[in-house]
Amino acid sequence: MRRDQLWISGAALAGILLTTTVTAQTPAPSPPPPQVEPRARPGRHPHMIAASRDLERAEKQLEKAVHHYDGHRAKAVELVKEAEKELQEGLKWAEAHPEAFQHPAKKP
């Protein structure tokens, strides 16, 4: 075999190895994120969203509590869940009624 043929064969082999290596290392596409209920954009109703986050934290803490406090802990969890639902309903209402949040025009 001549040198130029050997060089071409070596370059072809290197190209095949490189392609195989790159293809083998390409990660599989990730699955789509789970569908969650859309929330209001953070800048629109920051206090309602912050309250919602705080209620989620409170619910987790109440569920971690070991003692049942004569049923008061369970009642508190129930009330927190009810409050979370109310906040979500309020945010849905706000999205459906953006005109209620428009600032009045300034008078000259």
N, C-alpha and C. Protein backbone atom coordinates (compact mmCIF):
# COMPACT_ATOMS: atom_id res chain seq x y z
N MET A 1 0.83 -1.17 0.00
CA MET A 1 0.00 0.00 0.00
C MET A 1 0.88 1.24 0.00
N ARG A 2 0.50 2.19 -0.77
CA ARG A 2 1.31 3.41 -0.84
C ARG A 2 0.97 4.33 0.33
N ARG A 3 1.88 5.28 0.56
CA ARG A 3 1.70 6.18 1.70
C ARG A 3 0.42 7.00 1.61
N ASP A 4 0.11 7.53 0.45
CA ASP A 4 -1.09 8.38 0.34
C ASP A 4 -2.35 7.54 0.54
N GLN A 5 -2.34 6.29 0.10
CA GLN A 5 -3.50 5.42 0.33
C GLN A 5 -3.61 5.08 1.83
N LEU A 6 -2.47 4.86 2.46
CA LEU A 6 -2.46 4.57 3.88
C LEU A 6 -2.97 5.77 4.68
N TRP A 7 -2.55 6.96 4.28
CA TRP A 7 -2.98 8.18 4.96
C TRP A 7 -4.49 8.35 4.81
N ILE A 8 -5.03 8.15 3.62
CA ILE A 8 -6.47 8.29 3.38
C ILE A 8 -7.24 7.25 4.19
N SER A 9 -6.73 6.01 4.23
CA SER A 9 -7.38 4.96 5.01
C SER A 9 -7.38 5.32 6.49
N GLY A 10 -6.26 5.84 6.99
CA GLY A 10 -6.16 6.24 8.39
C GLY A 10 -7.11 7.39 8.71
N ALA A 11 -7.21 8.37 7.80
CA ALA A 11 -8.11 9.51 8.00
C ALA A 11 -9.56 9.04 8.00
N ALA A 12 -9.90 8.11 7.11
CA ALA A 12 -11.26 7.58 7.05
C ALA A 12 -11.59 6.84 8.34
N LEU A 13 -10.67 6.03 8.81
CA LEU A 13 -10.87 5.28 10.04
C LEU A 13 -11.04 6.23 11.23
N ALA A 14 -10.22 7.28 11.29
CA ALA A 14 -10.32 8.26 12.38
C ALA A 14 -11.67 8.97 12.32
N GLY A 15 -12.14 9.28 11.12
CA GLY A 15 -13.45 9.93 10.97
C GLY A 15 -14.58 9.04 11.45
N ILE A 16 -14.49 7.76 11.12
CA ILE A 16 -15.52 6.82 11.55
C ILE A 16 -15.50 6.68 13.07
N LEU A 17 -14.31 6.57 13.65
CA LEU A 17 -14.21 6.45 15.11
C LEU A 17 -14.73 7.69 15.80
N LEU A 18 -14.39 8.86 15.26
CA LEU A 18 -14.84 10.11 15.85
C LEU A 18 -16.35 10.21 15.78
N THR A 19 -16.94 9.89 14.65
CA THR A 19 -18.39 9.94 14.49
C THR A 19 -19.08 8.97 15.44
N THR A 20 -18.54 7.78 15.55
CA THR A 20 -19.12 6.78 16.44
C THR A 20 -19.03 7.23 17.89
N THR A 21 -17.91 7.81 18.28
CA THR A 21 -17.73 8.28 19.66
C THR A 21 -18.68 9.42 19.97
N VAL A 22 -18.81 10.39 19.08
CA VAL A 22 -19.69 11.53 19.31
C VAL A 22 -21.14 11.06 19.36
N THR A 23 -21.52 10.17 18.46
CA THR A 23 -22.89 9.68 18.44
C THR A 23 -23.19 8.90 19.72
N ALA A 24 -22.25 8.10 20.18
CA ALA A 24 -22.47 7.29 21.38
C ALA A 24 -22.58 8.16 22.62
N GLN A 25 -21.96 9.33 22.64
CA GLN A 25 -21.98 10.18 23.82
C GLN A 25 -23.13 11.18 23.82
N THR A 26 -23.87 11.25 22.75
CA THR A 26 -24.98 12.19 22.69
C THR A 26 -26.08 11.70 23.63
N PRO A 27 -26.48 12.51 24.61
CA PRO A 27 -27.50 12.05 25.55
C PRO A 27 -28.86 11.93 24.88
N ALA A 28 -29.66 11.05 25.39
CA ALA A 28 -31.02 10.89 24.87
C ALA A 28 -31.81 12.13 25.23
N PRO A 29 -32.78 12.49 24.40
CA PRO A 29 -33.57 13.68 24.72
C PRO A 29 -34.32 13.49 26.03
N SER A 30 -34.36 14.55 26.82
CA SER A 30 -35.03 14.46 28.12
C SER A 30 -36.54 14.47 27.91
N PRO A 31 -37.28 13.82 28.80
CA PRO A 31 -38.73 13.82 28.67
C PRO A 31 -39.28 15.21 28.95
N PRO A 32 -40.44 15.53 28.40
CA PRO A 32 -41.00 16.86 28.65
C PRO A 32 -41.33 17.01 30.13
N PRO A 33 -41.28 18.25 30.64
CA PRO A 33 -41.58 18.47 32.06
C PRO A 33 -43.03 18.11 32.35
N PRO A 34 -43.33 17.72 33.58
CA PRO A 34 -44.71 17.36 33.91
C PRO A 34 -45.63 18.56 33.80
N GLN A 35 -46.85 18.31 33.43
CA GLN A 35 -47.82 19.39 33.29
C GLN A 35 -48.28 19.82 34.67
N VAL A 36 -48.10 21.08 34.97
CA VAL A 36 -48.56 21.62 36.23
C VAL A 36 -49.50 22.78 35.94
N GLU A 37 -50.32 23.08 36.90
CA GLU A 37 -51.26 24.18 36.71
C GLU A 37 -50.49 25.49 36.55
N PRO A 38 -50.77 26.23 35.48
CA PRO A 38 -50.02 27.48 35.28
C PRO A 38 -50.31 28.47 36.39
N ARG A 39 -49.28 29.15 36.79
CA ARG A 39 -49.43 30.16 37.83
C ARG A 39 -49.29 31.54 37.20
N ALA A 40 -49.76 32.52 37.92
CA ALA A 40 -49.63 33.89 37.45
C ALA A 40 -48.15 34.26 37.37
N ARG A 41 -47.85 35.15 36.47
CA ARG A 41 -46.46 35.58 36.34
C ARG A 41 -46.01 36.28 37.61
N PRO A 42 -44.75 36.03 38.04
CA PRO A 42 -44.28 36.54 39.33
C PRO A 42 -44.44 38.04 39.54
N GLY A 43 -44.29 38.84 38.53
CA GLY A 43 -44.34 40.28 38.71
C GLY A 43 -45.73 40.85 38.82
N ARG A 44 -46.73 40.05 38.52
CA ARG A 44 -48.09 40.59 38.45
C ARG A 44 -48.79 40.66 39.81
N HIS A 45 -48.69 39.64 40.60
CA HIS A 45 -49.37 39.59 41.89
C HIS A 45 -48.40 39.03 42.94
N PRO A 46 -47.34 39.76 43.20
CA PRO A 46 -46.26 39.20 44.03
C PRO A 46 -46.69 38.82 45.44
N HIS A 47 -47.61 39.55 46.03
CA HIS A 47 -48.01 39.24 47.41
C HIS A 47 -48.86 37.97 47.47
N MET A 48 -49.73 37.80 46.49
CA MET A 48 -50.55 36.59 46.44
C MET A 48 -49.67 35.37 46.19
N ILE A 49 -48.69 35.50 45.32
CA ILE A 49 -47.80 34.38 45.01
C ILE A 49 -46.92 34.06 46.22
N ALA A 50 -46.44 35.09 46.89
CA ALA A 50 -45.63 34.86 48.09
C ALA A 50 -46.46 34.18 49.18
N ALA A 51 -47.70 34.60 49.33
CA ALA A 51 -48.58 33.96 50.32
C ALA A 51 -48.82 32.50 49.97
N SER A 52 -48.97 32.22 48.69
CA SER A 52 -49.16 30.84 48.25
C SER A 52 -47.95 29.99 48.59
N ARG A 53 -46.76 30.51 48.32
CA ARG A 53 -45.52 29.79 48.67
C ARG A 53 -45.43 29.56 50.17
N ASP A 54 -45.78 30.57 50.95
CA ASP A 54 -45.72 30.44 52.40
C ASP A 54 -46.71 29.39 52.91
N LEU A 55 -47.88 29.33 52.31
CA LEU A 55 -48.86 28.32 52.71
C LEU A 55 -48.38 26.91 52.36
N GLU A 56 -47.72 26.78 51.22
CA GLU A 56 -47.17 25.47 50.84
C GLU A 56 -46.12 25.04 51.87
N ARG A 57 -45.28 25.97 52.29
CA ARG A 57 -44.28 25.65 53.31
C ARG A 57 -44.94 25.29 54.64
N ALA A 58 -45.97 26.05 55.01
CA ALA A 58 -46.67 25.78 56.26
C ALA A 58 -47.30 24.39 56.23
N GLU A 59 -47.89 24.03 55.11
CA GLU A 59 -48.51 22.71 54.99
C GLU A 59 -47.46 21.60 55.17
N LYS A 60 -46.31 21.76 54.54
CA LYS A 60 -45.24 20.77 54.68
C LYS A 60 -44.77 20.66 56.13
N GLN A 61 -44.64 21.78 56.81
CA GLN A 61 -44.20 21.76 58.20
C GLN A 61 -45.25 21.09 59.09
N LEU A 62 -46.51 21.39 58.86
CA LEU A 62 -47.57 20.77 59.66
C LEU A 62 -47.61 19.26 59.44
N GLU A 63 -47.37 18.84 58.20
CA GLU A 63 -47.39 17.41 57.92
C GLU A 63 -46.19 16.69 58.54
N LYS A 64 -45.09 17.40 58.77
CA LYS A 64 -43.92 16.81 59.39
C LYS A 64 -44.06 16.70 60.91
N ALA A 65 -44.97 17.47 61.48
CA ALA A 65 -45.12 17.46 62.94
C ALA A 65 -45.51 16.07 63.41
N VAL A 66 -44.88 15.63 64.51
CA VAL A 66 -45.09 14.28 65.01
C VAL A 66 -46.37 14.18 65.84
N HIS A 67 -46.61 15.12 66.70
CA HIS A 67 -47.77 15.07 67.60
C HIS A 67 -49.02 15.54 66.85
N HIS A 68 -50.17 15.04 67.25
CA HIS A 68 -51.41 15.44 66.57
C HIS A 68 -52.12 16.61 67.24
N TYR A 69 -51.67 16.99 68.43
CA TYR A 69 -52.18 18.16 69.15
C TYR A 69 -53.71 18.12 69.30
N ASP A 70 -54.20 16.94 69.67
CA ASP A 70 -55.63 16.74 69.93
C ASP A 70 -56.49 17.14 68.73
N GLY A 71 -55.97 16.88 67.52
CA GLY A 71 -56.73 17.15 66.30
C GLY A 71 -56.52 18.54 65.72
N HIS A 72 -55.85 19.41 66.45
CA HIS A 72 -55.66 20.79 65.96
C HIS A 72 -54.70 20.85 64.78
N ARG A 73 -53.69 19.98 64.77
CA ARG A 73 -52.77 19.97 63.63
C ARG A 73 -53.51 19.58 62.35
N ALA A 74 -54.33 18.56 62.41
CA ALA A 74 -55.10 18.13 61.23
C ALA A 74 -56.04 19.23 60.75
N LYS A 75 -56.67 19.93 61.69
CA LYS A 75 -57.56 21.03 61.34
C LYS A 75 -56.77 22.16 60.68
N ALA A 76 -55.57 22.43 61.19
CA ALA A 76 -54.72 23.47 60.60
C ALA A 76 -54.33 23.10 59.17
N VAL A 77 -53.99 21.82 58.94
CA VAL A 77 -53.64 21.37 57.58
C VAL A 77 -54.84 21.58 56.66
N GLU A 78 -56.01 21.23 57.14
CA GLU A 78 -57.23 21.40 56.34
C GLU A 78 -57.46 22.88 55.99
N LEU A 79 -57.28 23.75 56.95
CA LEU A 79 -57.48 25.19 56.72
C LEU A 79 -56.41 25.76 55.77
N VAL A 80 -55.18 25.29 55.89
CA VAL A 80 -54.12 25.75 54.99
C VAL A 80 -54.44 25.34 53.56
N LYS A 81 -54.89 24.10 53.37
CA LYS A 81 -55.26 23.64 52.03
C LYS A 81 -56.41 24.46 51.47
N GLU A 82 -57.36 24.80 52.32
CA GLU A 82 -58.49 25.64 51.89
C GLU A 82 -57.99 27.03 51.48
N ALA A 83 -57.07 27.57 52.26
CA ALA A 83 -56.50 28.89 51.94
C ALA A 83 -55.73 28.84 50.62
N GLU A 84 -55.00 27.75 50.38
CA GLU A 84 -54.26 27.60 49.12
C GLU A 84 -55.23 27.60 47.94
N LYS A 85 -56.35 26.89 48.09
CA LYS A 85 -57.36 26.86 47.02
C LYS A 85 -57.92 28.26 46.77
N GLU A 86 -58.20 28.99 47.84
CA GLU A 86 -58.73 30.35 47.69
C GLU A 86 -57.75 31.26 46.97
N LEU A 87 -56.46 31.14 47.31
CA LEU A 87 -55.45 31.96 46.62
C LEU A 87 -55.41 31.63 45.13
N GLN A 88 -55.45 30.34 44.79
CA GLN A 88 -55.42 29.95 43.40
C GLN A 88 -56.66 30.47 42.66
N GLU A 89 -57.81 30.41 43.30
CA GLU A 89 -59.03 30.95 42.70
C GLU A 89 -58.91 32.46 42.49
N GLY A 90 -58.33 33.13 43.48
CA GLY A 90 -58.13 34.57 43.35
C GLY A 90 -57.20 34.92 42.20
N LEU A 91 -56.13 34.13 42.03
CA LEU A 91 -55.21 34.39 40.92
C LEU A 91 -55.87 34.08 39.57
N LYS A 92 -56.70 33.05 39.52
CA LYS A 92 -57.44 32.76 38.28
C LYS A 92 -58.37 33.93 37.95
N TRP A 93 -59.05 34.43 38.99
CA TRP A 93 -59.94 35.56 38.77
C TRP A 93 -59.16 36.77 38.27
N ALA A 94 -58.01 37.01 38.86
CA ALA A 94 -57.18 38.15 38.45
C ALA A 94 -56.76 38.03 36.99
N GLU A 95 -56.42 36.81 36.56
CA GLU A 95 -56.03 36.62 35.16
C GLU A 95 -57.21 36.85 34.23
N ALA A 96 -58.41 36.53 34.67
CA ALA A 96 -59.61 36.72 33.85
C ALA A 96 -60.09 38.17 33.86
N HIS A 97 -59.66 38.96 34.83
CA HIS A 97 -60.11 40.36 34.97
C HIS A 97 -58.92 41.31 35.09
N PRO A 98 -58.08 41.39 34.06
CA PRO A 98 -56.90 42.27 34.17
C PRO A 98 -57.26 43.74 34.30
N GLU A 99 -58.46 44.11 33.81
CA GLU A 99 -58.86 45.52 33.89
C GLU A 99 -59.01 45.99 35.34
N ALA A 100 -59.25 45.08 36.26
CA ALA A 100 -59.41 45.45 37.67
C ALA A 100 -58.09 45.90 38.29
N PHE A 101 -56.98 45.63 37.59
CA PHE A 101 -55.67 45.94 38.15
C PHE A 101 -54.97 47.07 37.40
N GLN A 102 -55.66 47.71 36.49
CA GLN A 102 -55.07 48.82 35.76
C GLN A 102 -55.06 50.05 36.64
N HIS A 103 -53.96 50.78 36.56
CA HIS A 103 -53.84 52.00 37.34
C HIS A 103 -54.64 53.10 36.65
N PRO A 104 -55.35 53.90 37.42
CA PRO A 104 -56.11 55.00 36.80
C PRO A 104 -55.15 56.02 36.17
N ALA A 105 -55.62 56.65 35.13
CA ALA A 105 -54.81 57.65 34.44
C ALA A 105 -54.59 58.84 35.37
N LYS A 106 -53.39 59.40 35.33
CA LYS A 106 -53.07 60.56 36.17
C LYS A 106 -53.74 61.81 35.59
N LYS A 107 -54.26 62.63 36.47
CA LYS A 107 -54.89 63.88 36.03
C LYS A 107 -53.83 64.96 35.92
N PRO A 108 -53.92 65.76 34.89
CA PRO A 108 -52.91 66.83 34.72
C PRO A 108 -53.02 67.92 35.73
